[in-house]
Protein backbone atom coordinates (compact mmCIF):
# COMPACT_ATOMS: atom_id res chain seq x y z
CA MET A 1 39.30 -47.45 30.78
CA ASN A 2 37.01 -48.34 28.64
CA SER A 3 34.09 -47.05 31.04
CA MET A 4 35.48 -43.78 31.06
CA LEU A 5 35.65 -43.71 27.23
CA PHE A 6 32.11 -45.07 26.92
CA GLN A 7 30.92 -41.81 29.23
CA THR A 8 33.27 -40.07 27.45
CA GLY A 9 31.48 -40.80 24.22
CA SER A 10 27.92 -41.51 25.22
CA GLY A 11 27.99 -37.88 26.57
CA PRO A 12 26.36 -35.95 24.20
CA ILE A 13 23.87 -38.06 22.68
CA PRO A 14 21.65 -37.59 25.01
CA VAL A 15 22.26 -33.53 24.28
CA GLN A 16 19.14 -31.91 21.93
CA ALA A 17 18.60 -28.82 20.48
CA PRO A 18 14.97 -26.81 21.00
CA PRO A 19 12.90 -26.97 18.22
CA ALA A 20 13.34 -23.91 15.83
CA SER A 21 11.78 -20.58 16.70
CA PRO A 22 9.94 -20.74 13.10
CA ARG A 23 7.62 -23.13 13.97
CA HIS A 24 6.49 -20.62 16.65
CA SER A 25 6.33 -17.76 14.72
CA ILE A 26 3.73 -19.40 11.58
CA SER A 27 1.27 -20.76 15.12
CA VAL A 28 2.10 -16.79 16.23
CA TYR A 29 0.77 -15.38 12.87
CA SER A 30 -1.46 -17.74 11.42
CA PRO A 31 -4.60 -16.50 14.00
CA ARG A 32 -3.67 -13.03 12.53
CA ARG A 33 -5.11 -14.22 9.20
CA PRO A 34 -8.67 -14.82 10.52
CA SER A 35 -9.17 -10.94 11.63
CA ILE A 36 -7.96 -9.93 8.35
CA ARG A 37 -10.58 -12.11 6.88
CA ARG A 38 -12.90 -10.94 8.71
CA SER A 39 -11.76 -6.64 8.66
CA SER A 40 -11.89 -6.99 4.84
CA SER A 41 -15.30 -8.75 4.73
CA GLU A 42 -16.96 -6.28 7.36
CA SER A 43 -15.36 -3.46 5.16
CA ASN A 44 -17.30 -5.09 1.91
CA VAL A 45 -20.41 -5.61 3.84
CA ILE A 46 -20.49 -1.86 4.69
CA ARG A 47 -19.69 -0.75 1.28
CA SER A 48 -22.61 -2.88 0.33
CA ASP A 49 -24.72 -1.04 3.02
CA THR A 50 -23.74 1.97 2.42
CA ARG A 51 -24.21 1.53 -1.46
CA THR A 52 -27.73 0.37 -0.74
CA VAL A 53 -28.57 3.10 1.55
CA SER A 54 -27.34 5.91 -1.19
CA ARG A 55 -29.61 4.18 -3.91
CA GLN A 56 -32.40 4.35 -1.39
CA ARG A 57 -32.25 8.00 -0.54
CA SER A 58 -31.66 9.11 -4.19
CA ARG A 59 -35.01 7.20 -5.09
CA SER A 60 -36.79 8.61 -2.21
CA PHE A 61 -35.50 12.32 -3.15
CA SER A 62 -36.23 11.65 -6.83
CA SER A 63 -40.27 10.60 -6.25
CA LEU A 64 -40.56 13.94 -4.34
CA ARG A 65 -41.77 16.75 -6.44
CA ILE A 66 -40.83 20.53 -6.33
CA PRO A 67 -43.55 23.03 -5.11
CA GLU A 68 -42.23 24.75 -8.82
CA GLU A 69 -42.83 21.72 -11.02
CA LEU A 70 -46.45 21.48 -9.28
CA GLY A 71 -47.50 24.63 -10.00
CA THR A 72 -47.80 27.42 -7.44
CA PRO A 73 -50.18 30.25 -7.51
CA GLY A 74 -48.45 33.49 -9.26
CA GLY A 75 -45.89 31.01 -10.12
CA GLY A 76 -44.42 30.82 -13.70
CA MET A 77 -45.52 27.90 -14.10
CA ASN A 78 -49.22 26.38 -13.78
CA LYS A 79 -51.28 23.19 -13.84
CA ASN A 80 -53.42 24.87 -16.35
CA ARG A 81 -50.25 27.29 -17.78
CA ASN A 82 -47.53 27.02 -20.12
CA SER A 83 -45.50 29.54 -18.95
CA GLY A 84 -46.00 32.97 -16.97
CA GLY A 85 -45.26 34.78 -19.78
CA SER A 86 -49.38 34.81 -20.73
CA GLY A 87 -49.66 37.38 -17.42
CA GLY A 88 -52.93 38.75 -19.45
CA SER A 89 -54.73 36.04 -20.06
CA GLY A 90 -54.04 34.04 -16.32
CA GLY A 91 -55.53 37.21 -15.02
CA GLY A 92 -59.06 37.91 -16.70
CA ALA A 93 -59.48 34.30 -16.05
CA GLU A 94 -58.71 34.83 -12.47
CA GLY A 95 -60.33 37.94 -12.42
CA SER A 96 -63.75 35.73 -13.84
CA ASP A 97 -63.80 33.43 -11.61
CA ILE A 98 -63.19 35.75 -8.79
CA GLY A 99 -65.88 37.74 -10.20
CA ALA A 100 -68.59 34.17 -10.51
CA TYR A 101 -67.62 32.85 -6.97
CA TYR A 102 -68.86 36.47 -5.58
CA GLN A 103 -71.93 36.03 -7.86
CA GLU A 104 -72.69 32.35 -6.82
CA MET A 105 -72.32 33.81 -3.21
CA ILE A 106 -74.70 36.39 -3.28
CA ARG A 107 -77.02 34.30 -5.12
CA SER A 108 -77.27 32.44 -1.94
CA ASN A 109 -77.09 35.09 0.54
CA PRO A 110 -78.76 37.93 -1.29
CA THR A 111 -78.96 40.27 1.54
CA ASN A 112 -75.60 39.39 3.16
CA SER A 113 -74.09 43.31 3.20
CA LEU A 114 -70.65 42.25 3.51
CA LEU A 115 -70.93 40.45 0.54
CA LEU A 116 -72.35 42.90 -1.22
CA ARG A 117 -70.07 45.53 -0.37
CA ASN A 118 -66.77 43.97 -1.27
CA TYR A 119 -67.98 42.71 -4.30
CA GLY A 120 -69.08 46.00 -5.30
CA ARG A 121 -65.48 47.47 -3.69
CA TYR A 122 -64.12 44.83 -6.34
CA LEU A 123 -65.81 45.95 -9.05
CA HIS A 124 -65.15 49.76 -8.65
CA GLU A 125 -61.67 49.33 -7.67
CA VAL A 126 -60.54 46.27 -9.45
CA VAL A 127 -62.76 45.91 -12.60
CA GLY A 128 -63.55 49.55 -12.79
CA ASP A 129 -67.85 48.51 -13.22
CA VAL A 130 -68.85 52.58 -11.35
CA VAL A 131 -72.35 51.11 -12.75
CA LYS A 132 -72.15 47.47 -11.30
CA ALA A 133 -70.61 49.10 -8.09
CA GLU A 134 -72.70 51.53 -7.43
CA GLU A 135 -75.38 48.92 -7.81
CA TYR A 136 -73.38 47.09 -4.80
CA TYR A 137 -72.82 49.59 -2.94
CA GLY A 138 -76.67 50.45 -2.37
CA ARG A 139 -78.04 46.88 -1.83
CA ALA A 140 -75.25 47.17 0.78
CA ILE A 141 -76.37 50.04 2.62
CA LEU A 142 -80.00 48.89 1.93
CA ALA A 143 -79.11 45.34 3.79
CA SER A 144 -76.98 47.27 6.20
CA PRO A 145 -77.66 50.98 6.77
CA GLY A 146 -75.86 51.69 9.56
CA ASP A 147 -71.69 50.00 7.82
CA GLY A 148 -69.78 52.97 8.12
CA GLU A 149 -67.40 51.31 6.17
CA VAL A 150 -69.75 51.07 2.57
CA LEU A 151 -71.54 54.51 3.09
CA SER A 152 -67.49 55.77 3.03
CA LEU A 153 -67.12 53.49 -0.27
CA TYR A 154 -70.21 54.70 -1.75
CA GLY A 155 -69.54 58.39 -1.00
CA ASN A 156 -66.30 58.17 -2.49
CA LEU A 157 -67.63 56.29 -5.52
CA ILE A 158 -69.86 59.57 -5.69
CA TRP A 159 -67.24 62.33 -5.62
CA GLU A 160 -64.92 60.07 -8.19
CA THR A 161 -67.92 59.50 -10.90
CA HIS A 162 -70.33 62.53 -10.24
CA ARG A 163 -68.69 65.04 -8.42
CA ASP A 164 -71.23 65.21 -6.57
CA GLN A 165 -70.18 67.32 -3.49
CA ILE A 166 -73.14 67.71 -2.16
CA ARG A 167 -74.17 64.09 -2.14
CA ALA A 168 -70.57 62.61 -1.08
CA LYS A 169 -69.89 64.64 1.46
CA SER A 170 -73.21 63.37 2.79
CA TYR A 171 -72.57 60.17 2.80
CA PHE A 172 -69.00 60.55 4.84
CA THR A 173 -70.82 62.41 7.30
CA GLN A 174 -73.58 59.34 7.76
CA ALA A 175 -70.81 57.01 7.75
CA ILE A 176 -68.50 58.95 10.66
CA GLN A 177 -71.34 58.77 12.71
CA ALA A 178 -71.91 55.33 12.62
CA SER A 179 -68.28 54.24 13.01
CA PRO A 180 -66.67 57.22 14.39
CA ASN A 181 -63.52 54.98 15.12
CA ASP A 182 -62.95 53.56 11.77
CA SER A 183 -59.28 54.57 10.36
CA MET A 184 -60.28 53.46 7.06
CA VAL A 185 -63.68 56.37 7.42
CA LEU A 186 -61.80 58.91 8.65
CA GLY A 187 -58.88 58.93 6.18
CA SER A 188 -60.75 58.12 2.87
CA TYR A 189 -63.17 61.83 4.21
CA ALA A 190 -60.11 63.44 4.92
CA HIS A 191 -58.99 62.98 1.94
CA PHE A 192 -62.10 63.54 0.11
CA LEU A 193 -62.31 66.96 2.16
CA TRP A 194 -58.59 67.93 0.96
CA VAL A 195 -59.38 67.05 -2.88
CA ALA A 196 -62.56 68.75 -2.79
CA GLU A 197 -60.85 71.69 -1.43
CA GLU A 198 -58.08 71.99 -3.39
CA GLU A 199 -60.67 71.79 -6.46
CA GLU A 200 -62.89 74.85 -4.41
CA CYS A 201 -59.15 77.01 -4.72
CA GLY A 202 -58.20 75.72 -8.28
CA ASP A 203 -61.54 77.21 -9.14
CA ASP A 204 -61.45 80.17 -7.26
CA GLU A 205 -58.52 80.75 -8.65
CA GLU A 206 -60.11 80.08 -12.35
CA MET A 207 -62.74 82.97 -11.95
CA GLU A 208 -60.76 85.46 -10.82
CA THR A 209 -58.28 85.03 -14.05
CA GLU A 210 -61.53 85.17 -15.81
CA LEU A 211 -62.94 88.42 -14.34
CA VAL A 212 -59.52 90.55 -14.12
CA PRO A 213 -60.05 91.11 -17.51
CA LEU A 214 -63.66 92.23 -17.35
CA PRO A 215 -62.71 96.16 -16.39
CA SER A 216 -60.55 96.93 -18.97
CA MET A 217 -63.05 95.12 -21.63
CA ILE A 218 -65.37 97.56 -19.80
CA VAL A 219 -63.88 101.06 -19.80
CA SER A 220 -62.72 99.72 -23.57
CA ALA A 221 -66.21 99.71 -24.42
CA PHE A 222 -67.31 102.98 -22.85
């Protein structure tokens, strides 16, 4: 009977409860902390890199100069000009530069018909110096007598300044013979013929108007 009591009393002693679950939850939760720290550190690195790149881009863009700030031909600002308001003085300076350029080139090539023709046209159509233009047109014709364009330009100049129809027509005729397929030459000649005909018609009408009162004046005189 004592042995039975011993077994009955000693039976529950070796039984032990399993370890509590919170101990395992700590071990499971602990590996996540390093990953969270890594992710936060990576975001910080990305942020710092982004800020660095943005600062570099801002510096690179600020170092660039806009073409308008540097000054462009014909623009409002220029290196040697304050603003586009002084257009008259700027245009005069530019014109003098062009004239000086042509003169320098002609001094180097005094028999170059292309330079002589272009400078004569510049003097005629831009500067308005018809005397100098006629001089350089004449030099261009002497340098290249078969240049239909300069012959046409010279004929047009004679017609505009002297209204010498016969002389102007002779140069237009030579221009067409030299360059029969040049549209500029043909157009200038057609314009000359049209204007000359209009002026002739106007002169005829004026003469008729002046001649109408003559018979009455003659009759009254008798």
